N, C-alpha and C. Protein backbone atom coordinates (compact mmCIF):
# COMPACT_ATOMS: atom_id res chain seq x y z
N MET A 1 200.65 27.28 64.93
CA MET A 1 201.81 28.16 65.08
C MET A 1 201.59 29.41 64.22
N GLN A 2 201.81 30.55 64.80
CA GLN A 2 201.64 31.82 64.10
C GLN A 2 202.84 32.09 63.19
N ALA A 3 202.58 32.35 61.91
CA ALA A 3 203.65 32.66 60.96
C ALA A 3 203.97 34.15 60.99
N HIS A 4 205.26 34.47 60.89
CA HIS A 4 205.70 35.86 60.83
C HIS A 4 205.54 36.40 59.41
N LYS A 5 205.61 35.47 58.44
CA LYS A 5 205.50 35.87 57.04
C LYS A 5 204.81 34.73 56.29
N GLU A 6 204.00 35.10 55.28
CA GLU A 6 203.34 34.09 54.47
C GLU A 6 203.70 34.33 53.02
N LEU A 7 203.99 33.24 52.31
CA LEU A 7 204.38 33.30 50.91
C LEU A 7 203.38 32.52 50.08
N ASP A 8 202.75 33.19 49.12
CA ASP A 8 201.80 32.54 48.24
C ASP A 8 202.53 32.15 46.96
N ALA A 9 202.80 30.86 46.81
CA ALA A 9 203.52 30.35 45.63
C ALA A 9 202.58 29.50 44.77
N ARG A 10 201.29 29.75 44.87
CA ARG A 10 200.33 29.00 44.06
C ARG A 10 200.56 29.29 42.59
N GLY A 11 200.48 28.22 41.79
CA GLY A 11 200.65 28.36 40.35
C GLY A 11 202.09 28.33 39.89
N LEU A 12 203.02 28.36 40.82
CA LEU A 12 204.45 28.30 40.47
C LEU A 12 204.93 26.86 40.51
N ASN A 13 205.75 26.50 39.54
CA ASN A 13 206.30 25.15 39.50
C ASN A 13 207.73 25.15 40.00
N CYS A 14 208.19 23.98 40.37
CA CYS A 14 209.55 23.77 40.86
C CYS A 14 210.54 24.38 39.87
N PRO A 15 211.55 25.07 40.30
CA PRO A 15 212.01 25.29 41.67
C PRO A 15 211.55 26.62 42.27
N LEU A 16 210.61 27.31 41.62
CA LEU A 16 210.25 28.66 42.08
C LEU A 16 209.74 28.73 43.52
N PRO A 17 208.88 27.81 44.00
CA PRO A 17 208.47 27.91 45.41
C PRO A 17 209.66 27.86 46.38
N ILE A 18 210.63 27.01 46.08
CA ILE A 18 211.83 26.90 46.93
C ILE A 18 212.65 28.18 46.86
N LEU A 19 212.86 28.68 45.66
CA LEU A 19 213.67 29.89 45.50
C LEU A 19 213.03 31.08 46.21
N LYS A 20 211.73 31.23 46.09
CA LYS A 20 211.04 32.34 46.76
C LYS A 20 211.08 32.17 48.28
N ALA A 21 210.97 30.93 48.75
CA ALA A 21 211.06 30.67 50.19
C ALA A 21 212.46 30.98 50.70
N LYS A 22 213.46 30.60 49.93
CA LYS A 22 214.85 30.86 50.33
C LYS A 22 215.08 32.37 50.47
N LYS A 23 214.56 33.13 49.51
CA LYS A 23 214.71 34.59 49.56
C LYS A 23 213.96 35.17 50.76
N ALA A 24 212.75 34.68 51.00
CA ALA A 24 211.96 35.18 52.14
C ALA A 24 212.66 34.87 53.46
N LEU A 25 213.20 33.66 53.60
CA LEU A 25 213.90 33.28 54.83
C LEU A 25 215.15 34.12 55.06
N ALA A 26 215.81 34.52 53.98
CA ALA A 26 217.02 35.33 54.10
C ALA A 26 216.72 36.69 54.73
N ASP A 27 215.49 37.18 54.56
CA ASP A 27 215.09 38.48 55.12
C ASP A 27 214.52 38.36 56.53
N MET A 28 214.48 37.14 57.05
CA MET A 28 213.90 36.90 58.38
C MET A 28 215.01 36.65 59.40
N THR A 29 214.67 36.79 60.68
CA THR A 29 215.65 36.54 61.73
C THR A 29 215.47 35.12 62.28
N SER A 30 216.47 34.64 62.95
CA SER A 30 216.46 33.29 63.51
C SER A 30 215.25 33.08 64.42
N GLY A 31 214.56 31.95 64.20
CA GLY A 31 213.40 31.62 65.02
C GLY A 31 212.08 32.06 64.43
N GLN A 32 212.12 32.94 63.42
CA GLN A 32 210.88 33.38 62.80
C GLN A 32 210.31 32.27 61.91
N VAL A 33 209.00 32.33 61.68
CA VAL A 33 208.29 31.26 60.99
C VAL A 33 207.74 31.75 59.65
N LEU A 34 207.97 30.94 58.61
CA LEU A 34 207.48 31.23 57.26
C LEU A 34 206.47 30.17 56.87
N ARG A 35 205.31 30.61 56.38
CA ARG A 35 204.27 29.70 55.90
C ARG A 35 204.21 29.85 54.38
N VAL A 36 204.38 28.73 53.67
CA VAL A 36 204.38 28.73 52.20
C VAL A 36 203.18 27.94 51.71
N ILE A 37 202.42 28.53 50.78
CA ILE A 37 201.30 27.84 50.16
C ILE A 37 201.65 27.64 48.69
N SER A 38 201.63 26.37 48.26
CA SER A 38 202.00 26.02 46.90
C SER A 38 200.98 25.06 46.31
N THR A 39 200.86 25.06 44.99
CA THR A 39 199.99 24.08 44.32
C THR A 39 200.80 23.00 43.63
N ASP A 40 202.11 23.13 43.62
CA ASP A 40 203.00 22.14 43.00
C ASP A 40 203.20 20.96 43.95
N ALA A 41 202.67 19.78 43.57
CA ALA A 41 202.77 18.60 44.44
C ALA A 41 204.22 18.23 44.75
N GLY A 42 205.13 18.51 43.83
CA GLY A 42 206.54 18.22 44.05
C GLY A 42 207.17 19.07 45.14
N SER A 43 206.52 20.17 45.47
CA SER A 43 207.09 21.07 46.49
C SER A 43 207.12 20.42 47.87
N VAL A 44 206.22 19.48 48.12
CA VAL A 44 206.20 18.79 49.43
C VAL A 44 207.55 18.11 49.66
N ARG A 45 207.96 17.32 48.70
CA ARG A 45 209.25 16.61 48.77
C ARG A 45 210.42 17.60 48.71
N ASP A 46 210.28 18.62 47.86
CA ASP A 46 211.35 19.60 47.72
C ASP A 46 211.62 20.36 49.01
N PHE A 47 210.56 20.74 49.74
CA PHE A 47 210.75 21.47 50.99
C PHE A 47 211.37 20.57 52.07
N GLN A 48 211.09 19.28 52.04
CA GLN A 48 211.74 18.36 52.98
C GLN A 48 213.24 18.34 52.74
N ALA A 49 213.64 18.24 51.49
CA ALA A 49 215.07 18.24 51.15
C ALA A 49 215.70 19.60 51.45
N PHE A 50 214.98 20.67 51.15
CA PHE A 50 215.47 22.03 51.39
C PHE A 50 215.77 22.24 52.88
N ALA A 51 214.86 21.78 53.74
CA ALA A 51 215.05 21.95 55.18
C ALA A 51 216.29 21.19 55.65
N LYS A 52 216.48 19.97 55.15
CA LYS A 52 217.66 19.18 55.54
C LYS A 52 218.94 19.87 55.09
N GLN A 53 218.95 20.36 53.87
CA GLN A 53 220.16 20.96 53.31
C GLN A 53 220.52 22.30 53.95
N THR A 54 219.52 23.07 54.35
CA THR A 54 219.79 24.42 54.85
C THR A 54 219.82 24.52 56.37
N GLY A 55 219.30 23.51 57.06
CA GLY A 55 219.27 23.57 58.52
C GLY A 55 218.07 24.30 59.08
N ASN A 56 217.18 24.78 58.20
CA ASN A 56 215.93 25.38 58.66
C ASN A 56 215.01 24.26 59.10
N GLU A 57 214.20 24.50 60.12
CA GLU A 57 213.33 23.46 60.67
C GLU A 57 212.03 23.37 59.89
N LEU A 58 211.71 22.15 59.45
CA LEU A 58 210.43 21.88 58.81
C LEU A 58 209.44 21.60 59.93
N VAL A 59 208.60 22.58 60.23
CA VAL A 59 207.69 22.50 61.37
C VAL A 59 206.47 21.65 61.03
N GLU A 60 205.92 21.87 59.83
CA GLU A 60 204.66 21.21 59.49
C GLU A 60 204.46 21.21 57.99
N GLN A 61 203.81 20.16 57.48
CA GLN A 61 203.36 20.12 56.10
C GLN A 61 201.97 19.51 56.08
N GLN A 62 201.08 20.11 55.29
CA GLN A 62 199.74 19.56 55.14
C GLN A 62 199.20 19.93 53.77
N THR A 63 198.25 19.13 53.31
CA THR A 63 197.60 19.42 52.04
C THR A 63 196.13 19.68 52.32
N VAL A 64 195.65 20.83 51.85
CA VAL A 64 194.26 21.22 52.03
C VAL A 64 193.72 21.50 50.63
N GLY A 65 192.84 20.61 50.16
CA GLY A 65 192.36 20.74 48.79
C GLY A 65 193.53 20.59 47.84
N GLY A 66 193.77 21.56 46.99
CA GLY A 66 194.91 21.52 46.08
C GLY A 66 196.11 22.30 46.57
N ASP A 67 196.01 22.84 47.79
CA ASP A 67 197.11 23.63 48.35
C ASP A 67 197.99 22.78 49.25
N HIS A 68 199.28 22.91 49.04
CA HIS A 68 200.28 22.25 49.89
C HIS A 68 200.88 23.33 50.78
N ILE A 69 200.68 23.17 52.08
CA ILE A 69 201.12 24.19 53.04
C ILE A 69 202.34 23.67 53.79
N THR A 70 203.39 24.46 53.74
CA THR A 70 204.64 24.11 54.42
C THR A 70 204.98 25.22 55.39
N VAL A 71 205.32 24.85 56.61
CA VAL A 71 205.72 25.81 57.64
C VAL A 71 207.18 25.55 57.99
N LEU A 72 207.99 26.58 57.83
CA LEU A 72 209.43 26.49 58.11
C LEU A 72 209.83 27.49 59.19
N LYS A 73 210.75 27.07 60.04
CA LYS A 73 211.30 27.99 61.05
C LYS A 73 212.74 28.30 60.68
N ARG A 74 213.04 29.58 60.60
CA ARG A 74 214.38 30.05 60.21
C ARG A 74 215.41 29.60 61.24
N ARG A 75 216.50 29.07 60.75
CA ARG A 75 217.58 28.60 61.63
C ARG A 75 218.31 29.76 62.25
């Protein structure tokens, strides 16, 4: 899936990846896709909870090396 915006949150610890993603999503329109790259292992679980709480769709999560990649679709 092609992302409309990519957020590099490597090196940031919880809750910064979530906060930066929330801000990025606020500037996007409904249906647009945000790809977040984080090195914080806790962000995987945090983005799952974030998607449930906000109604944004969690499209995909994967770990590649030390990077945790989360793809969200704006509600």
